[in-house]
Amino acid sequence: MRRCEVMREEIGWERDLMADANQVWDVPEAIDWMRHLAPYRLRWIEEPTSPDDVLGHAAIRSAVAPVGVATGEHAPNKVVFKQLLAVGAIDYCQVDACRLGGLNEVLAVLLMAAKLGVPVCPHAGGLGLCEYVQHISLIDHVALGSPLDDRTTEFADHLHEHFLDPVRVRQGRYLVPEAPGYSIEMLPESLDALEFPGGSVWTAGGGS
């Protein structure tokens, strides 16, 4: 509660504030905590319980509205997403480009979410994830016609220096890539340095 209070003091009440529970709550605990956090007007609570507890997410969503429920970065396949969407368990679909079995499976999730009107807000932040997910958001908007309203593509400003065609962000928005491909080709020198166990990052003791 104190963290939410501090954030509201910093960003005001006009900007969106989201919170991430990182799966630590069971269902009744999540509902109880969200009652305490209600005064801070969260846009969503992310991963409020175990990521594969479909019915648990549905119960939480019903109890905490109008706060949205967001999950998906740990959903292992399109079937879990199908169930989450079919029972109305989530308000925001946080597909992860590397958790699922490639872009084809991601496209299946995008199509299901578009059919049911659930905004796709891809999870990113790890090595190369921002480079991947910019394409997912572009496909969702350009190919499927999903509006930009109420959509967020996560961004973390680190590790981009390892990529041949890194993401570009201006004024809080991803810029459309100009090079062909999925934007995740790594620089040869980065691959050499990071290769385990012989790369210089590891032999120099900096990879722990």
N, C-alpha and C. Protein backbone atom coordinates (compact mmCIF):
# COMPACT_ATOMS: atom_id res chain seq x y z
N MET A 1 0.83 -1.20 0.00
CA MET A 1 0.00 0.00 0.00
C MET A 1 0.87 1.25 0.00
N ARG A 2 1.95 1.20 0.76
CA ARG A 2 2.86 2.34 0.80
C ARG A 2 3.50 2.57 -0.56
N ARG A 3 3.86 1.50 -1.25
CA ARG A 3 4.45 1.66 -2.58
C ARG A 3 3.46 2.32 -3.54
N CYS A 4 2.22 1.90 -3.51
CA CYS A 4 1.20 2.52 -4.37
C CYS A 4 1.01 3.98 -4.01
N GLU A 5 1.04 4.28 -2.71
CA GLU A 5 0.90 5.67 -2.26
C GLU A 5 2.03 6.53 -2.80
N VAL A 6 3.26 6.02 -2.71
CA VAL A 6 4.41 6.76 -3.21
C VAL A 6 4.30 6.97 -4.72
N MET A 7 3.90 5.93 -5.44
CA MET A 7 3.78 6.06 -6.89
C MET A 7 2.73 7.09 -7.27
N ARG A 8 1.61 7.09 -6.57
CA ARG A 8 0.58 8.09 -6.88
C ARG A 8 1.09 9.50 -6.57
N GLU A 9 1.88 9.63 -5.52
CA GLU A 9 2.46 10.94 -5.22
C GLU A 9 3.38 11.40 -6.35
N GLU A 10 4.06 10.45 -6.98
CA GLU A 10 5.03 10.79 -8.02
C GLU A 10 4.38 11.03 -9.38
N ILE A 11 3.42 10.19 -9.76
CA ILE A 11 2.87 10.28 -11.12
C ILE A 11 1.51 10.97 -11.18
N GLY A 12 0.92 11.26 -10.02
CA GLY A 12 -0.39 11.88 -10.01
C GLY A 12 -1.50 10.87 -10.25
N TRP A 13 -2.69 11.41 -10.50
CA TRP A 13 -3.87 10.54 -10.66
C TRP A 13 -4.35 10.48 -12.10
N GLU A 14 -3.71 11.21 -13.01
CA GLU A 14 -4.12 11.18 -14.41
C GLU A 14 -3.46 10.04 -15.17
N ARG A 15 -2.33 9.55 -14.68
CA ARG A 15 -1.59 8.50 -15.38
C ARG A 15 -1.96 7.13 -14.84
N ASP A 16 -1.79 6.11 -15.69
CA ASP A 16 -2.10 4.74 -15.29
C ASP A 16 -1.08 4.23 -14.28
N LEU A 17 -1.56 3.48 -13.31
CA LEU A 17 -0.70 2.79 -12.35
C LEU A 17 -1.10 1.32 -12.35
N MET A 18 -0.11 0.45 -12.57
CA MET A 18 -0.34 -0.99 -12.56
C MET A 18 0.52 -1.62 -11.48
N ALA A 19 0.08 -2.77 -10.96
CA ALA A 19 0.85 -3.49 -9.95
C ALA A 19 1.01 -4.95 -10.38
N ASP A 20 2.11 -5.54 -9.96
CA ASP A 20 2.44 -6.93 -10.34
C ASP A 20 2.63 -7.75 -9.07
N ALA A 21 1.79 -8.76 -8.89
CA ALA A 21 1.88 -9.61 -7.70
C ALA A 21 2.87 -10.76 -7.89
N ASN A 22 3.30 -11.00 -9.12
CA ASN A 22 4.28 -12.06 -9.39
C ASN A 22 3.87 -13.42 -8.81
N GLN A 23 2.56 -13.73 -8.91
CA GLN A 23 2.03 -15.06 -8.60
C GLN A 23 2.08 -15.45 -7.11
N VAL A 24 2.31 -14.51 -6.21
CA VAL A 24 2.56 -14.90 -4.81
C VAL A 24 1.27 -15.13 -4.01
N TRP A 25 0.12 -14.70 -4.50
CA TRP A 25 -1.11 -14.82 -3.73
C TRP A 25 -1.93 -16.03 -4.16
N ASP A 26 -2.67 -16.61 -3.21
CA ASP A 26 -3.73 -17.53 -3.62
C ASP A 26 -4.96 -16.68 -3.93
N VAL A 27 -6.05 -17.30 -4.34
CA VAL A 27 -7.19 -16.54 -4.83
C VAL A 27 -7.82 -15.66 -3.75
N PRO A 28 -8.18 -16.19 -2.57
CA PRO A 28 -8.77 -15.31 -1.55
C PRO A 28 -7.82 -14.19 -1.11
N GLU A 29 -6.53 -14.50 -1.06
CA GLU A 29 -5.53 -13.51 -0.67
C GLU A 29 -5.47 -12.37 -1.69
N ALA A 30 -5.51 -12.73 -2.96
CA ALA A 30 -5.48 -11.72 -4.01
C ALA A 30 -6.69 -10.79 -3.92
N ILE A 31 -7.85 -11.38 -3.71
CA ILE A 31 -9.07 -10.57 -3.60
C ILE A 31 -8.99 -9.65 -2.39
N ASP A 32 -8.50 -10.16 -1.28
CA ASP A 32 -8.38 -9.35 -0.07
C ASP A 32 -7.40 -8.20 -0.26
N TRP A 33 -6.26 -8.50 -0.85
CA TRP A 33 -5.26 -7.45 -1.06
C TRP A 33 -5.77 -6.36 -1.99
N MET A 34 -6.52 -6.75 -2.99
CA MET A 34 -7.03 -5.76 -3.93
C MET A 34 -8.06 -4.83 -3.29
N ARG A 35 -8.73 -5.29 -2.26
CA ARG A 35 -9.61 -4.38 -1.50
C ARG A 35 -8.78 -3.29 -0.84
N HIS A 36 -7.61 -3.66 -0.32
CA HIS A 36 -6.73 -2.67 0.30
C HIS A 36 -6.14 -1.70 -0.73
N LEU A 37 -5.92 -2.19 -1.94
CA LEU A 37 -5.29 -1.36 -2.97
C LEU A 37 -6.30 -0.57 -3.80
N ALA A 38 -7.58 -0.80 -3.58
CA ALA A 38 -8.63 -0.14 -4.37
C ALA A 38 -8.51 1.39 -4.39
N PRO A 39 -8.14 2.05 -3.27
CA PRO A 39 -8.08 3.52 -3.29
C PRO A 39 -7.06 4.08 -4.27
N TYR A 40 -6.12 3.26 -4.75
CA TYR A 40 -5.06 3.78 -5.61
C TYR A 40 -5.40 3.66 -7.10
N ARG A 41 -6.61 3.18 -7.39
CA ARG A 41 -7.14 3.15 -8.76
C ARG A 41 -6.15 2.52 -9.74
N LEU A 42 -5.85 1.27 -9.51
CA LEU A 42 -4.96 0.54 -10.41
C LEU A 42 -5.65 0.26 -11.73
N ARG A 43 -4.88 0.35 -12.81
CA ARG A 43 -5.40 -0.07 -14.11
C ARG A 43 -5.53 -1.58 -14.15
N TRP A 44 -4.51 -2.29 -13.64
CA TRP A 44 -4.58 -3.74 -13.57
C TRP A 44 -3.73 -4.28 -12.44
N ILE A 45 -4.05 -5.52 -12.05
CA ILE A 45 -3.19 -6.31 -11.19
C ILE A 45 -2.66 -7.45 -12.06
N GLU A 46 -1.34 -7.57 -12.10
CA GLU A 46 -0.68 -8.53 -12.98
C GLU A 46 -0.32 -9.80 -12.21
N GLU A 47 -0.57 -10.94 -12.82
CA GLU A 47 -0.28 -12.25 -12.23
C GLU A 47 -0.67 -12.31 -10.75
N PRO A 48 -1.96 -12.13 -10.46
CA PRO A 48 -2.38 -12.13 -9.06
C PRO A 48 -2.34 -13.50 -8.39
N THR A 49 -2.23 -14.55 -9.20
CA THR A 49 -2.15 -15.90 -8.63
C THR A 49 -1.40 -16.79 -9.63
N SER A 50 -1.40 -18.09 -9.38
CA SER A 50 -0.69 -19.02 -10.25
C SER A 50 -1.11 -18.84 -11.71
N PRO A 51 -0.16 -18.73 -12.64
CA PRO A 51 -0.50 -18.36 -14.02
C PRO A 51 -1.36 -19.38 -14.76
N ASP A 52 -1.42 -20.63 -14.27
CA ASP A 52 -2.26 -21.62 -14.94
C ASP A 52 -3.55 -21.91 -14.19
N ASP A 53 -3.86 -21.10 -13.18
CA ASP A 53 -5.13 -21.25 -12.46
C ASP A 53 -6.19 -20.42 -13.17
N VAL A 54 -6.79 -21.01 -14.18
CA VAL A 54 -7.73 -20.30 -15.02
C VAL A 54 -8.95 -19.86 -14.23
N LEU A 55 -9.55 -20.77 -13.49
CA LEU A 55 -10.76 -20.44 -12.73
C LEU A 55 -10.44 -19.49 -11.59
N GLY A 56 -9.24 -19.60 -11.04
CA GLY A 56 -8.82 -18.66 -10.00
C GLY A 56 -8.75 -17.24 -10.54
N HIS A 57 -8.21 -17.08 -11.73
CA HIS A 57 -8.17 -15.75 -12.35
C HIS A 57 -9.58 -15.23 -12.61
N ALA A 58 -10.47 -16.11 -13.03
CA ALA A 58 -11.85 -15.69 -13.27
C ALA A 58 -12.51 -15.20 -11.99
N ALA A 59 -12.27 -15.90 -10.88
CA ALA A 59 -12.85 -15.49 -9.60
C ALA A 59 -12.29 -14.15 -9.15
N ILE A 60 -10.98 -13.98 -9.33
CA ILE A 60 -10.35 -12.71 -8.95
C ILE A 60 -10.90 -11.58 -9.79
N ARG A 61 -10.99 -11.80 -11.10
CA ARG A 61 -11.48 -10.73 -11.99
C ARG A 61 -12.89 -10.29 -11.59
N SER A 62 -13.73 -11.26 -11.29
CA SER A 62 -15.10 -10.94 -10.90
C SER A 62 -15.14 -10.11 -9.62
N ALA A 63 -14.20 -10.40 -8.72
CA ALA A 63 -14.23 -9.77 -7.40
C ALA A 63 -13.57 -8.40 -7.36
N VAL A 64 -12.60 -8.13 -8.24
CA VAL A 64 -11.81 -6.90 -8.11
C VAL A 64 -12.18 -5.83 -9.12
N ALA A 65 -13.09 -6.11 -10.05
CA ALA A 65 -13.50 -5.08 -11.01
C ALA A 65 -13.93 -3.81 -10.27
N PRO A 66 -13.61 -2.64 -10.80
CA PRO A 66 -13.16 -2.34 -12.17
C PRO A 66 -11.66 -2.45 -12.41
N VAL A 67 -10.88 -2.85 -11.40
CA VAL A 67 -9.47 -3.10 -11.66
C VAL A 67 -9.36 -4.29 -12.61
N GLY A 68 -8.52 -4.16 -13.63
CA GLY A 68 -8.36 -5.24 -14.59
C GLY A 68 -7.43 -6.32 -14.07
N VAL A 69 -7.53 -7.50 -14.66
CA VAL A 69 -6.62 -8.61 -14.36
C VAL A 69 -5.80 -8.88 -15.62
N ALA A 70 -4.47 -8.92 -15.45
CA ALA A 70 -3.55 -9.14 -16.56
C ALA A 70 -2.69 -10.35 -16.26
N THR A 71 -2.53 -11.21 -17.25
CA THR A 71 -1.63 -12.34 -17.08
C THR A 71 -1.27 -12.92 -18.44
N GLY A 72 -0.30 -13.82 -18.46
CA GLY A 72 0.05 -14.49 -19.69
C GLY A 72 1.54 -14.67 -19.91
N GLU A 73 2.38 -13.92 -19.20
CA GLU A 73 3.81 -14.04 -19.47
C GLU A 73 4.36 -15.42 -19.12
N HIS A 74 3.64 -16.16 -18.24
CA HIS A 74 4.06 -17.51 -17.91
C HIS A 74 3.08 -18.58 -18.41
N ALA A 75 2.10 -18.16 -19.20
CA ALA A 75 1.19 -19.15 -19.79
C ALA A 75 1.96 -19.93 -20.84
N PRO A 76 2.00 -21.27 -20.74
CA PRO A 76 2.94 -22.04 -21.55
C PRO A 76 2.49 -22.36 -22.98
N ASN A 77 1.20 -22.16 -23.28
CA ASN A 77 0.75 -22.52 -24.63
C ASN A 77 -0.59 -21.85 -24.93
N LYS A 78 -1.00 -21.97 -26.20
CA LYS A 78 -2.23 -21.32 -26.65
C LYS A 78 -3.47 -21.88 -26.00
N VAL A 79 -3.40 -23.13 -25.51
CA VAL A 79 -4.58 -23.74 -24.88
C VAL A 79 -4.90 -23.05 -23.56
N VAL A 80 -3.89 -22.72 -22.78
CA VAL A 80 -4.12 -21.99 -21.54
C VAL A 80 -4.74 -20.63 -21.85
N PHE A 81 -4.22 -19.95 -22.88
CA PHE A 81 -4.81 -18.68 -23.27
C PHE A 81 -6.25 -18.85 -23.73
N LYS A 82 -6.53 -19.92 -24.46
CA LYS A 82 -7.89 -20.18 -24.90
C LYS A 82 -8.83 -20.30 -23.70
N GLN A 83 -8.38 -21.00 -22.68
CA GLN A 83 -9.21 -21.18 -21.49
C GLN A 83 -9.38 -19.86 -20.74
N LEU A 84 -8.28 -19.11 -20.57
CA LEU A 84 -8.36 -17.81 -19.89
C LEU A 84 -9.34 -16.89 -20.60
N LEU A 85 -9.29 -16.88 -21.92
CA LEU A 85 -10.17 -16.01 -22.68
C LEU A 85 -11.60 -16.53 -22.71
N ALA A 86 -11.77 -17.83 -22.81
CA ALA A 86 -13.11 -18.42 -22.94
C ALA A 86 -13.96 -18.19 -21.70
N VAL A 87 -13.34 -18.23 -20.53
CA VAL A 87 -14.12 -18.06 -19.29
C VAL A 87 -14.09 -16.62 -18.79
N GLY A 88 -13.52 -15.71 -19.58
CA GLY A 88 -13.50 -14.31 -19.17
C GLY A 88 -12.64 -14.06 -17.95
N ALA A 89 -11.47 -14.69 -17.91
CA ALA A 89 -10.63 -14.61 -16.71
C ALA A 89 -9.66 -13.44 -16.70
N ILE A 90 -9.44 -12.81 -17.87
CA ILE A 90 -8.45 -11.73 -17.93
C ILE A 90 -8.99 -10.54 -18.71
N ASP A 91 -8.51 -9.37 -18.35
CA ASP A 91 -8.81 -8.14 -19.08
C ASP A 91 -7.70 -7.77 -20.05
N TYR A 92 -6.49 -8.25 -19.77
CA TYR A 92 -5.33 -7.93 -20.59
C TYR A 92 -4.53 -9.21 -20.83
N CYS A 93 -4.21 -9.45 -22.10
CA CYS A 93 -3.51 -10.67 -22.51
C CYS A 93 -2.02 -10.34 -22.67
N GLN A 94 -1.21 -10.85 -21.74
CA GLN A 94 0.21 -10.52 -21.72
C GLN A 94 1.06 -11.65 -22.31
N VAL A 95 0.88 -11.87 -23.59
CA VAL A 95 1.60 -12.94 -24.25
C VAL A 95 3.11 -12.67 -24.22
N ASP A 96 3.87 -13.74 -24.07
CA ASP A 96 5.33 -13.64 -24.06
C ASP A 96 5.87 -14.32 -25.31
N ALA A 97 6.72 -13.62 -26.08
CA ALA A 97 7.18 -14.11 -27.37
C ALA A 97 8.01 -15.39 -27.27
N CYS A 98 8.67 -15.60 -26.15
CA CYS A 98 9.57 -16.75 -26.01
C CYS A 98 8.97 -17.88 -25.17
N ARG A 99 7.89 -17.63 -24.48
CA ARG A 99 7.28 -18.67 -23.66
C ARG A 99 6.52 -19.66 -24.52
N LEU A 100 5.89 -19.15 -25.58
CA LEU A 100 5.11 -20.01 -26.46
C LEU A 100 6.00 -20.62 -27.54
N GLY A 101 5.43 -21.53 -28.32
CA GLY A 101 6.21 -22.27 -29.30
C GLY A 101 6.37 -21.54 -30.62
N GLY A 102 6.92 -20.34 -30.58
CA GLY A 102 7.19 -19.60 -31.80
C GLY A 102 6.07 -18.66 -32.20
N LEU A 103 6.32 -17.91 -33.27
CA LEU A 103 5.38 -16.87 -33.70
C LEU A 103 4.04 -17.45 -34.13
N ASN A 104 4.01 -18.63 -34.73
CA ASN A 104 2.73 -19.21 -35.16
C ASN A 104 1.78 -19.39 -33.98
N GLU A 105 2.31 -19.84 -32.84
CA GLU A 105 1.45 -20.02 -31.67
C GLU A 105 1.04 -18.68 -31.09
N VAL A 106 1.93 -17.70 -31.14
CA VAL A 106 1.57 -16.35 -30.71
C VAL A 106 0.43 -15.81 -31.57
N LEU A 107 0.49 -16.05 -32.88
CA LEU A 107 -0.57 -15.56 -33.77
C LEU A 107 -1.92 -16.16 -33.40
N ALA A 108 -1.95 -17.41 -32.99
CA ALA A 108 -3.20 -18.03 -32.55
C ALA A 108 -3.78 -17.29 -31.35
N VAL A 109 -2.92 -16.90 -30.43
CA VAL A 109 -3.38 -16.15 -29.25
C VAL A 109 -3.89 -14.77 -29.66
N LEU A 110 -3.16 -14.11 -30.56
CA LEU A 110 -3.61 -12.79 -31.04
C LEU A 110 -5.00 -12.89 -31.67
N LEU A 111 -5.23 -13.92 -32.46
CA LEU A 111 -6.52 -14.08 -33.12
C LEU A 111 -7.65 -14.32 -32.11
N MET A 112 -7.38 -15.16 -31.12
CA MET A 112 -8.40 -15.41 -30.09
C MET A 112 -8.71 -14.15 -29.30
N ALA A 113 -7.67 -13.41 -28.93
CA ALA A 113 -7.87 -12.18 -28.16
C ALA A 113 -8.64 -11.15 -28.98
N ALA A 114 -8.30 -11.04 -30.28
CA ALA A 114 -9.00 -10.09 -31.13
C ALA A 114 -10.47 -10.45 -31.27
N LYS A 115 -10.75 -11.72 -31.40
CA LYS A 115 -12.15 -12.17 -31.55
C LYS A 115 -12.97 -11.79 -30.33
N LEU A 116 -12.35 -11.87 -29.14
CA LEU A 116 -13.09 -11.61 -27.90
C LEU A 116 -12.89 -10.18 -27.39
N GLY A 117 -12.13 -9.38 -28.13
CA GLY A 117 -11.97 -7.98 -27.74
C GLY A 117 -11.11 -7.75 -26.52
N VAL A 118 -10.17 -8.66 -26.26
CA VAL A 118 -9.27 -8.53 -25.11
C VAL A 118 -7.97 -7.89 -25.58
N PRO A 119 -7.57 -6.74 -25.03
CA PRO A 119 -6.33 -6.09 -25.47
C PRO A 119 -5.11 -6.97 -25.22
N VAL A 120 -4.22 -7.02 -26.21
CA VAL A 120 -2.96 -7.73 -26.07
C VAL A 120 -1.89 -6.73 -25.66
N CYS A 121 -1.28 -6.97 -24.51
CA CYS A 121 -0.22 -6.11 -23.97
C CYS A 121 1.00 -6.99 -23.71
N PRO A 122 1.84 -7.19 -24.73
CA PRO A 122 2.90 -8.19 -24.61
C PRO A 122 3.87 -7.93 -23.46
N HIS A 123 4.30 -9.04 -22.86
CA HIS A 123 5.32 -8.98 -21.81
C HIS A 123 6.70 -8.90 -22.45
N ALA A 124 7.56 -8.08 -21.90
CA ALA A 124 8.93 -7.97 -22.42
C ALA A 124 9.86 -7.56 -21.27
N GLY A 125 11.14 -7.44 -21.60
CA GLY A 125 12.10 -6.98 -20.60
C GLY A 125 13.38 -7.78 -20.57
N GLY A 126 13.31 -9.06 -20.91
CA GLY A 126 14.51 -9.88 -20.91
C GLY A 126 15.32 -9.69 -22.18
N LEU A 127 16.36 -10.45 -22.33
CA LEU A 127 17.26 -10.34 -23.48
C LEU A 127 16.50 -10.60 -24.79
N GLY A 128 16.32 -9.57 -25.59
CA GLY A 128 15.67 -9.70 -26.88
C GLY A 128 14.16 -9.64 -26.87
N LEU A 129 13.53 -9.65 -25.71
CA LEU A 129 12.06 -9.68 -25.70
C LEU A 129 11.45 -8.42 -26.28
N CYS A 130 12.03 -7.27 -26.00
CA CYS A 130 11.49 -6.04 -26.59
C CYS A 130 11.62 -6.08 -28.11
N GLU A 131 12.73 -6.63 -28.59
CA GLU A 131 12.91 -6.75 -30.03
C GLU A 131 11.84 -7.65 -30.65
N TYR A 132 11.50 -8.73 -29.96
CA TYR A 132 10.43 -9.62 -30.43
C TYR A 132 9.05 -8.94 -30.40
N VAL A 133 8.70 -8.42 -29.23
CA VAL A 133 7.29 -8.07 -29.02
C VAL A 133 6.84 -6.85 -29.80
N GLN A 134 7.78 -6.02 -30.24
CA GLN A 134 7.35 -4.90 -31.09
C GLN A 134 6.62 -5.43 -32.33
N HIS A 135 7.08 -6.54 -32.85
CA HIS A 135 6.45 -7.14 -34.03
C HIS A 135 5.07 -7.70 -33.69
N ILE A 136 4.94 -8.28 -32.51
CA ILE A 136 3.64 -8.82 -32.08
C ILE A 136 2.61 -7.70 -32.01
N SER A 137 3.00 -6.58 -31.41
CA SER A 137 2.07 -5.45 -31.31
C SER A 137 1.74 -4.87 -32.67
N LEU A 138 2.73 -4.83 -33.56
CA LEU A 138 2.48 -4.33 -34.91
C LEU A 138 1.52 -5.25 -35.67
N ILE A 139 1.72 -6.55 -35.56
CA ILE A 139 0.81 -7.50 -36.22
C ILE A 139 -0.61 -7.33 -35.68
N ASP A 140 -0.71 -7.20 -34.37
CA ASP A 140 -2.01 -7.04 -33.72
C ASP A 140 -2.73 -5.80 -34.25
N HIS A 141 -1.99 -4.71 -34.41
CA HIS A 141 -2.60 -3.46 -34.85
C HIS A 141 -2.81 -3.40 -36.35
N VAL A 142 -1.76 -3.73 -37.13
CA VAL A 142 -1.82 -3.54 -38.58
C VAL A 142 -2.60 -4.67 -39.26
N ALA A 143 -2.26 -5.92 -38.93
CA ALA A 143 -2.88 -7.05 -39.63
C ALA A 143 -4.26 -7.39 -39.09
N LEU A 144 -4.44 -7.26 -37.76
CA LEU A 144 -5.73 -7.64 -37.16
C LEU A 144 -6.63 -6.44 -36.90
N GLY A 145 -6.10 -5.24 -37.09
CA GLY A 145 -6.93 -4.05 -36.96
C GLY A 145 -7.28 -3.68 -35.53
N SER A 146 -6.54 -4.21 -34.56
CA SER A 146 -6.84 -3.88 -33.17
C SER A 146 -6.49 -2.41 -32.89
N PRO A 147 -7.34 -1.69 -32.18
CA PRO A 147 -7.04 -0.28 -31.90
C PRO A 147 -5.87 -0.16 -30.92
N LEU A 148 -5.26 1.01 -30.89
CA LEU A 148 -4.16 1.25 -29.96
C LEU A 148 -4.66 1.62 -28.57
N ASP A 149 -5.92 1.99 -28.46
CA ASP A 149 -6.48 2.36 -27.16
C ASP A 149 -6.38 1.20 -26.17
N ASP A 150 -6.01 1.51 -24.95
CA ASP A 150 -5.97 0.55 -23.85
C ASP A 150 -4.98 -0.59 -24.11
N ARG A 151 -3.93 -0.29 -24.88
CA ARG A 151 -2.89 -1.28 -25.13
C ARG A 151 -1.55 -0.73 -24.69
N THR A 152 -0.74 -1.61 -24.13
CA THR A 152 0.59 -1.24 -23.67
C THR A 152 1.56 -2.34 -24.07
N THR A 153 2.69 -1.97 -24.65
CA THR A 153 3.75 -2.92 -24.94
C THR A 153 4.89 -2.65 -23.97
N GLU A 154 5.20 -3.63 -23.16
CA GLU A 154 6.20 -3.43 -22.12
C GLU A 154 7.57 -3.10 -22.73
N PHE A 155 8.34 -2.30 -22.02
CA PHE A 155 9.68 -1.91 -22.49
C PHE A 155 10.63 -1.84 -21.31
N ALA A 156 11.82 -2.40 -21.49
CA ALA A 156 12.90 -2.26 -20.52
C ALA A 156 14.14 -1.81 -21.29
N ASP A 157 14.75 -0.75 -20.83
CA ASP A 157 15.84 -0.14 -21.59
C ASP A 157 17.19 -0.72 -21.18
N HIS A 158 17.38 -2.00 -21.51
CA HIS A 158 18.67 -2.62 -21.25
C HIS A 158 18.89 -3.79 -22.21
N LEU A 159 20.14 -4.09 -22.48
CA LEU A 159 20.60 -5.22 -23.27
C LEU A 159 20.39 -5.06 -24.78
N HIS A 160 19.90 -3.92 -25.21
CA HIS A 160 19.66 -3.72 -26.64
C HIS A 160 20.96 -3.60 -27.43
N GLU A 161 22.04 -3.29 -26.73
CA GLU A 161 23.33 -3.12 -27.42
C GLU A 161 23.86 -4.42 -28.02
N HIS A 162 23.24 -5.55 -27.69
CA HIS A 162 23.70 -6.84 -28.22
C HIS A 162 23.07 -7.20 -29.56
N PHE A 163 22.20 -6.34 -30.10
CA PHE A 163 21.42 -6.71 -31.28
C PHE A 163 21.77 -5.87 -32.50
N LEU A 164 21.70 -6.52 -33.65
CA LEU A 164 22.02 -5.86 -34.90
C LEU A 164 21.01 -4.77 -35.23
N ASP A 165 19.74 -5.01 -34.91
CA ASP A 165 18.67 -4.06 -35.22
C ASP A 165 17.84 -3.84 -33.95
N PRO A 166 18.39 -3.12 -32.96
CA PRO A 166 17.69 -2.97 -31.68
C PRO A 166 16.43 -2.12 -31.80
N VAL A 167 15.56 -2.28 -30.82
CA VAL A 167 14.34 -1.47 -30.78
C VAL A 167 14.70 0.01 -30.67
N ARG A 168 13.77 0.82 -31.16
CA ARG A 168 13.89 2.26 -31.02
C ARG A 168 12.59 2.77 -30.40
N VAL A 169 12.75 3.60 -29.38
CA VAL A 169 11.59 4.15 -28.68
C VAL A 169 11.71 5.66 -28.65
N ARG A 170 10.61 6.34 -28.94
CA ARG A 170 10.60 7.80 -28.90
C ARG A 170 9.31 8.26 -28.25
N GLN A 171 9.44 9.10 -27.24
CA GLN A 171 8.29 9.66 -26.53
C GLN A 171 7.33 8.57 -26.06
N GLY A 172 7.92 7.51 -25.52
CA GLY A 172 7.11 6.44 -24.93
C GLY A 172 6.46 5.50 -25.93
N ARG A 173 6.89 5.53 -27.19
CA ARG A 173 6.30 4.65 -28.20
C ARG A 173 7.39 3.95 -28.99
N TYR A 174 7.16 2.67 -29.27
CA TYR A 174 8.05 1.94 -30.16
C TYR A 174 7.96 2.53 -31.58
N LEU A 175 9.10 2.65 -32.26
CA LEU A 175 9.11 3.03 -33.66
C LEU A 175 9.11 1.76 -34.52
N VAL A 176 8.45 1.82 -35.65
CA VAL A 176 8.36 0.65 -36.53
C VAL A 176 9.75 0.28 -37.05
N PRO A 177 10.16 -0.99 -36.92
CA PRO A 177 11.47 -1.40 -37.44
C PRO A 177 11.55 -1.19 -38.95
N GLU A 178 12.73 -0.84 -39.43
CA GLU A 178 12.92 -0.61 -40.86
C GLU A 178 13.63 -1.77 -41.53
N ALA A 179 14.25 -2.65 -40.78
CA ALA A 179 14.95 -3.81 -41.35
C ALA A 179 14.01 -5.01 -41.38
N PRO A 180 14.16 -5.91 -42.35
CA PRO A 180 13.33 -7.11 -42.38
C PRO A 180 13.70 -8.06 -41.25
N GLY A 181 12.78 -8.99 -40.96
CA GLY A 181 13.08 -10.00 -39.95
C GLY A 181 12.41 -9.73 -38.62
N TYR A 182 12.84 -10.46 -37.60
CA TYR A 182 12.21 -10.44 -36.28
C TYR A 182 13.03 -9.60 -35.29
N SER A 183 14.07 -8.92 -35.79
CA SER A 183 14.87 -7.96 -35.01
C SER A 183 15.69 -8.57 -33.88
N ILE A 184 15.92 -9.88 -33.91
CA ILE A 184 16.63 -10.49 -32.78
C ILE A 184 17.96 -11.13 -33.16
N GLU A 185 18.51 -10.74 -34.33
CA GLU A 185 19.84 -11.22 -34.67
C GLU A 185 20.87 -10.53 -33.78
N MET A 186 21.65 -11.35 -33.07
CA MET A 186 22.63 -10.79 -32.14
C MET A 186 23.96 -10.53 -32.84
N LEU A 187 24.71 -9.57 -32.32
CA LEU A 187 26.02 -9.25 -32.85
C LEU A 187 26.98 -10.40 -32.59
N PRO A 188 27.84 -10.75 -33.56
CA PRO A 188 28.78 -11.86 -33.37
C PRO A 188 29.66 -11.69 -32.14
N GLU A 189 30.10 -10.46 -31.88
CA GLU A 189 30.96 -10.24 -30.71
C GLU A 189 30.22 -10.48 -29.40
N SER A 190 28.93 -10.21 -29.38
CA SER A 190 28.13 -10.49 -28.18
C SER A 190 27.96 -11.98 -27.97
N LEU A 191 27.71 -12.71 -29.06
CA LEU A 191 27.59 -14.16 -28.95
C LEU A 191 28.89 -14.78 -28.45
N ASP A 192 30.01 -14.30 -28.97
CA ASP A 192 31.30 -14.82 -28.53
C ASP A 192 31.54 -14.54 -27.06
N ALA A 193 31.22 -13.34 -26.63
CA ALA A 193 31.47 -12.95 -25.24
C ALA A 193 30.56 -13.68 -24.26
N LEU A 194 29.31 -13.95 -24.69
CA LEU A 194 28.32 -14.53 -23.79
C LEU A 194 28.25 -16.05 -23.85
N GLU A 195 28.97 -16.66 -24.79
CA GLU A 195 28.92 -18.12 -24.91
C GLU A 195 29.42 -18.78 -23.63
N PHE A 196 28.65 -19.74 -23.14
CA PHE A 196 29.01 -20.44 -21.90
C PHE A 196 29.62 -21.80 -22.24
N PRO A 197 30.74 -22.18 -21.61
CA PRO A 197 31.43 -21.49 -20.51
C PRO A 197 32.67 -20.70 -20.94
N GLY A 198 32.94 -20.67 -22.26
CA GLY A 198 34.23 -20.12 -22.68
C GLY A 198 34.24 -18.65 -23.00
N GLY A 199 33.08 -17.99 -23.06
CA GLY A 199 33.03 -16.57 -23.42
C GLY A 199 33.71 -15.69 -22.38
N SER A 200 34.12 -14.53 -22.81
CA SER A 200 34.88 -13.64 -21.93
C SER A 200 34.06 -13.18 -20.72
N VAL A 201 32.74 -13.10 -20.88
CA VAL A 201 31.90 -12.71 -19.74
C VAL A 201 32.04 -13.72 -18.60
N TRP A 202 32.16 -15.00 -18.96
CA TRP A 202 32.24 -16.05 -17.94
C TRP A 202 33.66 -16.26 -17.45
N THR A 203 34.62 -16.23 -18.36
CA THR A 203 36.01 -16.47 -17.93
C THR A 203 36.56 -15.33 -17.12
N ALA A 204 35.96 -14.14 -17.30
CA ALA A 204 36.41 -13.00 -16.50
C ALA A 204 35.72 -12.94 -15.15
N GLY A 205 34.79 -13.88 -14.89
CA GLY A 205 34.09 -13.92 -13.60
C GLY A 205 32.92 -12.96 -13.52
N GLY A 206 32.48 -12.42 -14.67
CA GLY A 206 31.39 -11.45 -14.63
C GLY A 206 30.03 -12.05 -14.92
N GLY A 207 29.94 -13.37 -15.04
CA GLY A 207 28.66 -13.96 -15.42
C GLY A 207 27.90 -14.60 -14.29
N SER A 208 28.28 -14.36 -13.07
CA SER A 208 27.59 -14.99 -11.94
C SER A 208 26.28 -14.29 -11.66
